[in-house]
Each structure stands twice: as C-alpha cells, then as structure tokens.
Amino acid sequence: MTTKAPSGIEPASPGTLESIAYDCVKGIPTQEGHDLDRLGYTLWLWLKHRKDPLETAVHAAGVRFLVPEEEAVERVRQNLTARGISA
C-alpha cells in the first residue's frame, strides 16, 4: 500500500465570491474548524443565488456556533457590508 501526499490547494483569487465568502466567516467562534468551512461554502452559495434571506442560509449551514446564531448572522452581514455587498 502506498500513501501519497494530498494534492495542493490553490486559494481563490482575491475579490472572487469564494474568497469573499470565506473571508466573511473568519473569526466567528465555532466548535470545529470545519464548521467555518461549511458556513463559508453556504455563504458562497447564498452570494451566488440569493434565493433566501441571509438568516436562512446561515441556519441551513448547520454550524455549531459558540455564540448566538443571531450574532453570527450580524457578523457576516457586517463583513459583507464592509466589502460593499448588501445583505
């Protein structure tokens, strides 16, 4: 059996929806790091389609926050507003 190193990850270019989504969720306290990955992905989908309110998208991510969910939504909204995106 052989083991290979995992493939490298190439970060998204600054200013793309992917980088904006993941940057907007940084620093929100969660139980595990993968919770932020899941939230970033869900936010990226929300930015791409905007079918539901932001609150619904954050709730649908199923993240285990260490702060109230309302506070997490507000932090995401503030980070989006700082980048010129209305939420």
Protein backbone atom coordinates (compact mmCIF):
# COMPACT_ATOMS: atom_id res chain seq x y z
CA MET A 1 0.00 0.00 0.00
CA THR A 2 1.36 3.40 -0.89
CA THR A 3 0.44 6.72 0.51
CA LYS A 4 0.79 9.92 -1.37
CA ALA A 5 0.74 13.45 -0.13
CA PRO A 6 -2.60 15.16 -0.71
CA SER A 7 -2.95 17.46 -3.66
CA GLY A 8 -2.11 21.08 -3.04
CA ILE A 9 -4.83 23.64 -2.58
CA GLU A 10 -4.77 26.74 -4.70
CA PRO A 11 -6.50 29.63 -2.93
CA ALA A 12 -9.14 31.60 -4.79
CA SER A 13 -8.14 34.92 -6.24
CA PRO A 14 -8.88 37.95 -4.04
CA GLY A 15 -12.20 39.58 -4.85
CA THR A 16 -13.91 36.42 -6.10
CA LEU A 17 -17.13 35.26 -4.48
CA GLU A 18 -15.29 32.32 -2.96
CA SER A 19 -12.69 34.45 -1.22
CA ILE A 20 -15.29 36.97 -0.07
CA ALA A 21 -17.49 34.23 1.40
CA TYR A 22 -14.70 32.52 3.32
CA ASP A 23 -13.19 35.83 4.49
CA CYS A 24 -16.57 36.98 5.82
CA VAL A 25 -16.88 33.99 8.16
CA LYS A 26 -13.35 34.10 9.58
CA GLY A 27 -13.21 34.72 13.29
CA ILE A 28 -16.73 33.52 14.11
CA PRO A 29 -16.33 31.13 17.05
CA THR A 30 -17.45 27.58 16.26
CA GLN A 31 -16.92 24.18 17.84
CA GLU A 32 -14.77 22.90 14.97
CA GLY A 33 -12.83 24.47 12.12
CA HIS A 34 -14.83 22.54 9.55
CA ASP A 35 -17.93 24.38 10.74
CA LEU A 36 -16.43 27.55 9.26
CA ASP A 37 -15.68 25.73 6.00
CA ARG A 38 -19.32 24.64 5.82
CA LEU A 39 -20.52 28.16 6.61
CA GLY A 40 -18.18 29.67 4.02
CA TYR A 41 -19.47 27.28 1.37
CA THR A 42 -23.07 28.02 2.28
CA LEU A 43 -22.38 31.76 2.15
CA TRP A 44 -20.76 31.33 -1.26
CA LEU A 45 -23.93 29.59 -2.49
CA TRP A 46 -26.02 32.39 -0.99
CA LEU A 47 -23.92 35.06 -2.72
CA LYS A 48 -24.23 33.19 -5.99
CA HIS A 49 -28.00 32.60 -5.95
CA ARG A 50 -29.53 34.79 -3.19
CA LYS A 51 -32.72 32.76 -3.04
CA ASP A 52 -33.30 33.03 0.71
CA PRO A 53 -32.63 35.63 3.40
CA LEU A 54 -29.13 35.57 4.88
CA GLU A 55 -30.51 34.30 8.20
CA THR A 56 -31.97 31.24 6.47
CA ALA A 57 -28.69 30.48 4.71
CA VAL A 58 -26.67 30.70 7.92
CA HIS A 59 -29.16 28.49 9.75
CA ALA A 60 -29.16 25.95 6.91
CA ALA A 61 -25.38 25.55 7.19
CA GLY A 62 -25.93 23.65 10.44
CA VAL A 63 -22.94 25.26 12.13
CA ARG A 64 -22.34 24.71 15.84
CA PHE A 65 -21.65 28.28 16.91
CA LEU A 66 -20.13 29.21 20.26
CA VAL A 67 -22.08 32.50 20.07
CA PRO A 68 -25.80 33.01 19.43
CA GLU A 69 -26.73 32.42 15.80
CA GLU A 70 -28.11 35.96 15.57
CA GLU A 71 -24.68 37.33 16.48
CA ALA A 72 -23.04 35.17 13.82
CA VAL A 73 -25.50 36.43 11.20
CA GLU A 74 -24.79 40.01 12.23
CA ARG A 75 -21.02 39.47 11.95
CA VAL A 76 -21.42 38.02 8.47
CA ARG A 77 -23.70 40.90 7.48
CA GLN A 78 -21.18 43.47 8.77
CA ASN A 79 -18.34 41.79 6.89
CA LEU A 80 -20.38 41.75 3.68
CA THR A 81 -21.33 45.40 4.12
CA ALA A 82 -17.67 46.32 4.64
CA ARG A 83 -17.00 44.77 1.21
CA GLY A 84 -19.83 46.74 -0.39
CA ILE A 85 -22.30 43.85 -0.59
CA SER A 86 -25.81 44.44 0.69
CA ALA A 87 -27.20 41.61 2.76
